[in-house]
Protein backbone atom coordinates (compact mmCIF):
# COMPACT_ATOMS: atom_id res chain seq x y z
CA MET A 1 0.00 0.00 0.00
CA LYS A 2 1.36 3.39 -0.85
CA THR A 3 1.70 5.76 2.06
CA LEU A 4 0.34 9.19 2.57
CA SER A 5 2.08 11.76 0.46
CA LEU A 6 1.60 15.41 1.23
CA THR A 7 3.24 18.20 -0.66
CA ILE A 8 2.87 21.75 0.45
CA SER A 9 4.30 24.72 -1.32
CA LEU A 10 3.34 28.21 -0.23
CA THR A 11 3.85 31.08 -2.66
CA ILE A 12 1.11 34.61 -4.02
CA PHE A 13 -6.31 37.09 -11.37
CA THR A 14 -10.86 36.82 -13.71
CA LEU A 15 -11.76 33.30 -12.38
CA CYS A 16 -11.79 29.92 -14.15
CA LEU A 17 -13.60 27.05 -12.48
CA LEU A 18 -13.03 23.60 -13.81
CA SER A 19 -13.66 20.05 -12.89
CA PHE A 20 -10.88 17.84 -14.23
CA THR A 21 -10.63 14.26 -15.39
CA CYS A 22 -7.91 11.67 -15.47
CA ASN A 23 -4.79 11.28 -17.56
CA SER A 24 -4.07 8.76 -20.28
CA SER A 25 -2.54 6.15 -18.02
CA LEU A 26 -4.17 6.82 -14.64
CA ALA A 27 -6.49 9.78 -14.56
CA GLN A 28 -9.93 9.17 -15.96
CA ASP A 29 -12.00 11.57 -13.92
CA THR A 30 -11.55 14.87 -12.24
CA PHE A 31 -13.51 17.89 -11.04
CA SER A 32 -11.75 21.23 -10.88
CA ILE A 33 -12.02 24.98 -11.08
CA CYS A 34 -9.69 27.61 -12.51
CA ALA A 35 -10.37 31.31 -12.21
CA VAL A 36 -9.05 34.83 -12.51
CA ASP A 37 -9.74 38.01 -10.55
CA THR A 38 -9.64 41.06 -12.82
CA SER A 39 -9.62 43.48 -9.88
CA ASN A 40 -6.04 42.55 -8.99
CA ASN A 41 -4.99 40.21 -11.85
CA TYR A 42 -4.59 37.18 -9.60
CA VAL A 43 -5.18 33.82 -11.30
CA GLY A 44 -5.66 30.36 -9.87
CA SER A 45 -7.32 26.98 -9.88
CA SER A 46 -8.33 24.07 -7.69
CA GLY A 47 -9.39 20.51 -8.40
CA ALA A 48 -9.61 16.92 -7.25
CA SER A 49 -9.60 13.44 -8.74
CA CYS A 50 -10.14 9.85 -7.66
CA THR A 51 -6.76 8.93 -9.11
CA ASN A 52 -3.21 9.92 -8.35
CA TYR A 53 -1.16 10.85 -11.40
CA MET A 54 2.49 11.78 -11.03
CA ASN A 55 2.36 14.35 -8.20
CA GLY A 56 -1.42 14.27 -8.08
CA VAL A 57 -4.22 15.98 -9.93
CA VAL A 58 -2.29 19.27 -9.79
CA ALA A 59 -0.53 18.02 -12.95
CA ILE A 60 -3.51 19.23 -14.99
CA SER A 61 -3.08 22.85 -13.86
CA ASP A 62 -0.98 25.24 -15.96
CA VAL A 63 -0.85 28.66 -14.30
CA HIS A 64 0.31 31.75 -16.20
CA PRO A 65 0.70 34.65 -13.72
CA ASN A 66 -0.89 37.90 -14.87
CA VAL A 67 -2.33 36.06 -17.91
CA GLY A 68 -4.61 33.11 -17.16
CA VAL A 69 -4.92 29.39 -16.42
CA ILE A 70 -5.17 26.25 -18.56
CA HIS A 71 -6.60 22.93 -17.41
CA THR A 72 -6.06 19.86 -19.58
CA GLN A 73 -7.90 16.88 -18.20
CA ALA A 74 -9.59 13.62 -19.10
CA TRP A 75 -6.95 11.19 -20.32
CA TYR A 76 -4.41 13.87 -19.53
CA LEU A 77 -1.39 14.06 -21.82
CA PRO A 78 1.59 16.31 -20.98
CA GLN A 79 2.12 16.80 -24.72
CA ASN A 80 -1.33 18.42 -25.06
CA GLN A 81 -0.73 20.55 -21.99
CA ASN A 82 2.67 21.72 -23.27
CA TYR A 83 1.11 22.60 -26.61
CA ALA A 84 -1.60 24.67 -24.92
CA HIS A 85 1.05 26.33 -22.76
CA GLN A 86 2.90 27.58 -25.83
CA LEU A 87 -0.31 28.87 -27.39
CA MET A 88 -1.09 30.96 -24.31
CA LEU A 89 2.45 32.36 -24.41
CA LEU A 90 1.72 33.44 -28.00
CA GLY A 91 -1.34 35.37 -26.83
CA LEU A 92 -4.12 33.20 -28.26
CA SER A 93 -7.57 33.46 -26.68
CA PRO A 94 -9.02 30.59 -24.59
CA GLN A 95 -11.32 29.55 -27.45
CA GLN A 96 -8.50 29.68 -30.00
CA ILE A 97 -6.33 27.49 -27.76
CA ILE A 98 -9.09 24.92 -27.36
CA ASP A 99 -9.85 24.89 -31.08
CA SER A 100 -6.19 24.22 -31.81
CA LEU A 101 -5.95 21.55 -29.09
CA VAL A 102 -8.89 19.69 -30.62
CA ALA A 103 -7.44 19.99 -34.12
CA HIS A 104 -3.94 18.88 -33.06
CA ASP A 105 -4.53 16.28 -30.34
CA TYR A 106 -1.28 14.41 -29.70
CA GLU A 107 -3.00 11.02 -30.07
CA ASN A 108 -5.53 12.20 -32.69
CA ASN A 109 -8.34 11.40 -30.27
CA PRO A 110 -9.72 14.68 -28.85
CA THR A 111 -13.16 13.20 -28.13
CA ILE A 112 -11.92 11.71 -24.83
CA ARG A 113 -10.41 14.99 -23.55
CA GLN A 114 -11.72 17.81 -21.45
CA TYR A 115 -10.32 21.35 -21.29
CA GLY A 116 -11.01 24.58 -19.47
CA ILE A 117 -9.19 27.87 -20.01
CA VAL A 118 -9.57 31.41 -18.68
CA ASP A 119 -7.60 34.63 -19.06
CA LEU A 120 -7.69 38.26 -17.93
CA ILE A 121 -8.22 39.99 -21.26
CA GLY A 122 -11.18 42.38 -21.58
CA GLY A 123 -12.53 41.72 -18.11
CA GLY A 124 -12.13 37.98 -18.50
CA ARG A 125 -12.50 35.38 -21.23
CA SER A 126 -13.25 31.68 -20.77
CA ALA A 127 -13.74 28.58 -22.88
CA ALA A 128 -14.19 24.87 -22.26
CA TYR A 129 -14.43 21.64 -24.21
CA THR A 130 -15.89 18.27 -23.21
CA GLY A 131 -15.36 15.44 -25.69
CA ILE A 132 -18.31 13.24 -26.51
CA ASN A 133 -16.40 10.12 -25.41
CA CYS A 134 -15.48 11.41 -21.95
CA PRO A 135 -16.97 9.07 -19.35
CA ASN A 136 -20.39 10.07 -18.03
CA TRP A 137 -21.49 12.11 -16.30
CA LYS A 138 -19.48 14.85 -17.96
CA GLY A 139 -19.94 18.52 -18.67
CA HIS A 140 -18.74 22.05 -18.09
CA LEU A 141 -20.00 25.46 -16.96
CA LEU A 142 -18.70 28.84 -18.06
CA GLY A 143 -18.78 32.42 -16.82
CA GLN A 144 -16.79 35.40 -17.98
CA THR A 145 -14.18 34.82 -15.33
CA TYR A 146 -14.43 31.09 -14.70
CA ALA A 147 -14.80 27.68 -16.32
CA ILE A 148 -15.96 24.53 -14.50
CA ALA A 149 -15.63 21.05 -15.96
CA GLY A 150 -15.79 17.43 -14.83
CA ASN A 151 -16.44 13.86 -15.88
CA THR A 152 -17.13 10.46 -14.31
CA LEU A 153 -19.30 12.34 -11.85
CA GLN A 154 -22.54 11.50 -10.07
CA GLY A 155 -24.31 14.13 -12.09
CA PRO A 156 -24.52 17.81 -13.06
CA TRP A 157 -25.28 18.88 -9.48
CA ILE A 158 -21.59 18.44 -8.62
CA LEU A 159 -20.63 21.23 -10.99
CA ASP A 160 -23.71 23.27 -10.07
CA SER A 161 -22.67 23.13 -6.43
CA MET A 162 -19.13 24.22 -7.30
CA ARG A 163 -20.41 27.20 -9.24
CA SER A 164 -22.84 28.21 -6.51
CA ARG A 165 -20.14 28.10 -3.83
CA PHE A 166 -17.75 30.03 -6.02
CA LEU A 167 -20.17 32.79 -6.92
CA ASN A 168 -21.69 33.20 -3.46
CA THR A 169 -18.55 33.20 -1.33
CA SER A 170 -17.20 36.54 -0.17
CA GLY A 171 -13.95 37.66 1.44
CA MET A 172 -11.34 40.37 1.61
CA GLN A 173 -8.54 41.02 -0.87
CA PRO A 174 -5.93 39.87 -1.58
CA VAL A 175 -7.15 36.38 -0.64
CA LEU A 176 -10.65 36.56 -2.16
CA LEU A 177 -9.84 34.43 -5.20
CA ALA A 178 -8.18 31.77 -3.04
CA ILE A 179 -11.16 31.65 -0.68
CA LYS A 180 -13.61 31.30 -3.58
CA LEU A 181 -11.57 28.51 -5.20
CA MET A 182 -11.42 26.58 -1.95
CA ALA A 183 -15.17 27.06 -1.43
CA ALA A 184 -15.88 25.77 -4.93
CA LEU A 185 -13.89 22.63 -4.19
CA GLN A 186 -15.86 22.11 -0.97
CA GLY A 187 -19.00 22.29 -3.11
CA ALA A 188 -17.94 19.02 -4.75
CA LYS A 189 -17.01 17.25 -1.51
CA VAL A 190 -19.57 14.47 -1.74
CA LYS A 191 -18.87 10.76 -1.23
CA GLY A 192 -18.54 9.31 -4.70
CA ALA A 193 -18.59 12.70 -6.40
CA ASP A 194 -16.12 10.97 -8.66
CA ILE A 195 -18.08 7.73 -8.93
CA ARG A 196 -14.99 5.54 -8.66
CA CYS A 197 -14.51 6.72 -5.07
CA THR A 198 -17.02 5.32 -2.60
CA SER A 199 -15.97 6.63 0.82
CA THR A 200 -14.51 9.99 -0.25
CA SER A 201 -14.98 12.51 -3.03
CA SER A 202 -11.50 11.92 -4.43
CA LEU A 203 -7.94 10.78 -3.71
CA SER A 204 -5.98 13.85 -4.77
CA ALA A 205 -6.73 17.56 -4.43
CA PHE A 206 -4.96 20.89 -4.97
CA ILE A 207 -5.36 24.65 -4.91
CA ARG A 208 -3.04 27.28 -6.39
CA VAL A 209 -3.15 31.03 -6.85
CA ALA A 210 -0.53 33.22 -8.48
CA LYS A 211 -0.15 36.95 -8.09
CA PRO A 212 0.92 39.03 -11.12
CA THR A 213 4.58 39.18 -10.11
CA ASP A 214 5.03 35.42 -9.59
CA PRO A 215 7.39 33.66 -12.03
CA LEU A 216 5.81 31.54 -14.75
CA SER A 217 7.37 28.34 -13.42
CA GLY A 218 6.59 29.18 -9.78
CA PRO A 219 6.80 29.24 -6.88
CA TYR A 220 3.30 30.67 -6.63
CA TRP A 221 1.79 32.68 -3.82
CA LEU A 222 -0.42 29.72 -2.91
CA ASP A 223 0.35 26.14 -3.97
CA LEU A 224 -1.04 23.30 -1.84
CA HIS A 225 -1.33 19.64 -2.86
CA ILE A 226 -2.79 16.60 -1.11
CA ASN A 227 -2.12 13.14 -2.55
CA LEU A 228 -3.71 10.25 -0.67
CA PHE A 229 -3.99 6.52 -1.22
CA ASN A 230 -6.76 4.72 0.70
CA PRO A 231 -7.48 7.83 2.75
CA THR A 232 -9.51 7.77 5.94
CA ARG A 233 -10.27 11.47 5.53
CA ASP A 234 -11.51 13.23 2.43
CA PRO A 235 -8.57 14.93 0.64
CA ILE A 236 -10.60 18.11 0.30
CA ASP A 237 -10.92 18.30 4.09
CA SER A 238 -7.18 17.71 4.44
CA LEU A 239 -6.55 20.42 1.86
CA GLN A 240 -8.91 22.73 3.75
CA THR A 241 -6.82 22.28 6.90
CA LEU A 242 -3.65 23.25 5.08
CA PHE A 243 -5.46 26.14 3.43
CA ASN A 244 -6.65 27.45 6.79
CA HIS A 245 -3.07 27.40 8.11
CA TRP A 246 -1.91 29.25 5.00
CA LEU A 247 -4.70 31.78 5.36
CA ASP A 248 -3.83 32.39 9.00
CA SER A 249 -0.17 32.89 8.09
CA ILE A 250 -0.73 35.58 5.47
CA LEU A 251 -4.14 37.11 6.06
CA ILE A 252 -4.24 39.31 9.06
CA GLY A 253 -7.70 40.71 9.43
CA ILE A 254 -8.20 44.43 9.28
CA THR A 255 -9.42 45.55 12.71
CA PRO A 256 -11.19 48.78 13.73
CA ILE A 257 -9.25 50.11 16.73
CA SER A 258 -11.35 53.13 17.74
CA SER A 259 -14.93 54.32 17.52
CA GLU A 260 -13.68 57.90 17.17
CA ILE A 261 -13.67 59.18 13.59
CA PRO A 262 -10.33 60.79 12.61
CA ARG A 263 -10.29 64.40 11.45
CA ASP A 264 -7.84 63.66 8.62
CA PHE A 265 -6.52 60.79 6.54
CA SER A 266 -3.42 59.29 8.15
CA LEU A 267 -0.91 56.50 7.73
CA SER A 268 1.24 55.59 10.73
CA GLN A 269 4.70 54.08 10.81
CA ASN A 270 4.54 50.33 11.12
CA TYR A 271 5.49 48.79 14.44
CA PRO A 272 7.73 47.13 15.27
CA ASN A 273 10.19 48.40 12.69
CA PRO A 274 12.53 46.71 11.86
CA PHE A 275 10.46 43.51 12.30
CA ASN A 276 10.58 39.71 11.99
CA PRO A 277 8.29 38.25 10.81
CA THR A 278 5.16 40.28 11.66
CA THR A 279 4.42 43.97 11.84
CA ARG A 280 1.31 46.11 12.28
CA ILE A 281 0.16 49.10 10.25
CA ARG A 282 -2.41 51.66 11.38
CA PHE A 283 -4.31 54.16 9.26
CA GLY A 284 -7.21 56.55 9.68
CA LEU A 285 -10.12 57.49 7.39
CA PRO A 286 -12.26 60.57 8.09
CA ASP A 287 -14.68 59.64 5.31
CA GLU A 288 -16.02 56.45 3.77
CA SER A 289 -13.66 55.60 0.95
CA PHE A 290 -12.46 52.80 -1.29
CA THR A 291 -9.14 51.98 0.34
CA LYS A 292 -6.03 50.14 -0.82
CA LEU A 293 -2.98 49.32 1.26
CA VAL A 294 -0.28 48.03 -1.06
CA LEU A 295 3.20 46.66 -0.28
CA TYR A 296 6.15 47.14 -2.63
CA ASP A 297 9.74 45.92 -2.63
CA LEU A 298 12.79 48.18 -2.95
CA LEU A 299 12.52 48.10 -6.75
CA GLY A 300 8.93 49.30 -6.68
CA ARG A 301 7.44 45.91 -7.56
CA GLU A 302 4.11 45.08 -5.97
CA VAL A 303 4.52 42.45 -3.25
CA THR A 304 0.95 42.09 -2.05
CA ILE A 305 -2.26 44.01 -1.38
CA LEU A 306 -3.31 44.01 2.27
CA VAL A 307 -6.50 46.04 1.86
CA ASN A 308 -8.62 46.52 -1.25
CA GLU A 309 -12.19 47.41 -0.28
CA GLU A 310 -14.69 50.11 0.68
CA LEU A 311 -14.20 51.10 4.33
CA LYS A 312 -16.29 53.26 6.65
CA PRO A 313 -14.75 56.21 8.52
CA GLY A 314 -12.57 55.09 11.41
CA SER A 315 -9.13 54.03 12.61
CA TYR A 316 -7.86 50.65 11.49
CA GLU A 317 -4.98 48.29 12.11
CA ILE A 318 -3.74 45.42 10.00
CA GLN A 319 -0.92 42.94 10.54
CA TRP A 320 1.43 41.63 7.87
CA ASN A 321 3.16 38.28 8.27
CA ALA A 322 6.33 38.27 6.15
CA SER A 323 7.37 34.70 6.93
CA ASN A 324 7.51 33.87 3.22
CA TYR A 325 9.38 37.01 2.14
CA PRO A 326 13.12 37.76 2.13
CA SER A 327 14.85 40.31 4.33
CA GLY A 328 15.03 43.80 2.91
CA ILE A 329 13.46 47.22 2.64
CA TYR A 330 9.76 47.40 1.76
CA PHE A 331 7.32 50.24 1.23
CA TYR A 332 3.65 50.34 2.13
CA LYS A 333 1.27 52.81 0.49
CA LEU A 334 -2.22 53.86 1.53
CA ILE A 335 -4.43 54.91 -1.39
CA THR A 336 -7.97 56.30 -1.02
CA ASN A 337 -10.28 58.39 -3.18
CA SER A 338 -8.51 61.60 -2.14
CA PHE A 339 -5.35 60.61 -0.26
CA SER A 340 -2.09 58.79 -0.91
CA GLU A 341 0.94 58.29 1.30
CA ALA A 342 3.81 55.80 1.49
CA LYS A 343 6.24 54.79 4.24
CA LYS A 344 9.29 52.55 4.49
CA MET A 345 9.78 49.48 6.68
CA VAL A 346 12.60 46.97 7.16
CA LEU A 347 12.30 43.20 7.42
CA ILE A 348 15.32 41.55 9.11
CA LYS A 349 15.54 37.78 9.44
């Protein structure tokens, strides 16, 4: 019996939801979701399968930071995925990539494949393909910023549940896309969702999200994998546990610290400073305003967005955990409808 294998890699998009199938030698069914968030150009995907292929079902996910996501599933072939990868690098649209994949299938048998693709262009574009010879039940769902697909499923309600969870889940930036992708995966957590599994929904599950500045080959902002053989716990629940730890490590909730409304906009110096690995930042808003708190490195490259939402008047504090960032000088900038200010801070490890 193969033992538990757990791979965790933490790293930081329109949305693409997909439900994936298996690869040519092992994977025959999968449900997955890939998506992009056009408000901050984060991209990501999540999925699960009742088979373990290579390093798990994550093999089907091809993430292109600041561009989009490709999922190649159902009798997965790396040759087809590599071909699609090159087409996205050339700037082809999701539908153009799928049309070319179908026309140039590596084994000349596209009817057994399933694809889902999304990108950030024009507020989001998505496309999907489900071959007529994919095992039933099979299908896909599309929205401007997501694509959902799956096969060898109990029925269409698996994908319907994924879409509902994805669309109706809320959260705060910069982790909103990640939270929605994880929620969509929970929507498919049904015993036998993949009908070859009887006691769990799947055997392998993953979630990944890339921020615009992540390298094409990774590491990505978020990259969690669970690969289980004969599991006693559903892989999606195990993935949820890892996800919660990740969320706790990087998302520090924004907290109102006073009921008194400030007279002016303000941004305080972080404390402690220098720091390792956490620091707190306070700011004040005299008026209701759409507010962004953005972190940059010494070269002016965006590191992450701590706040990106409409806030009521008040004084606020937020904590940043820099455990996954290198030592150095960083800048944080508060941006509102009528105010902008930046300050410097130093991370020393």
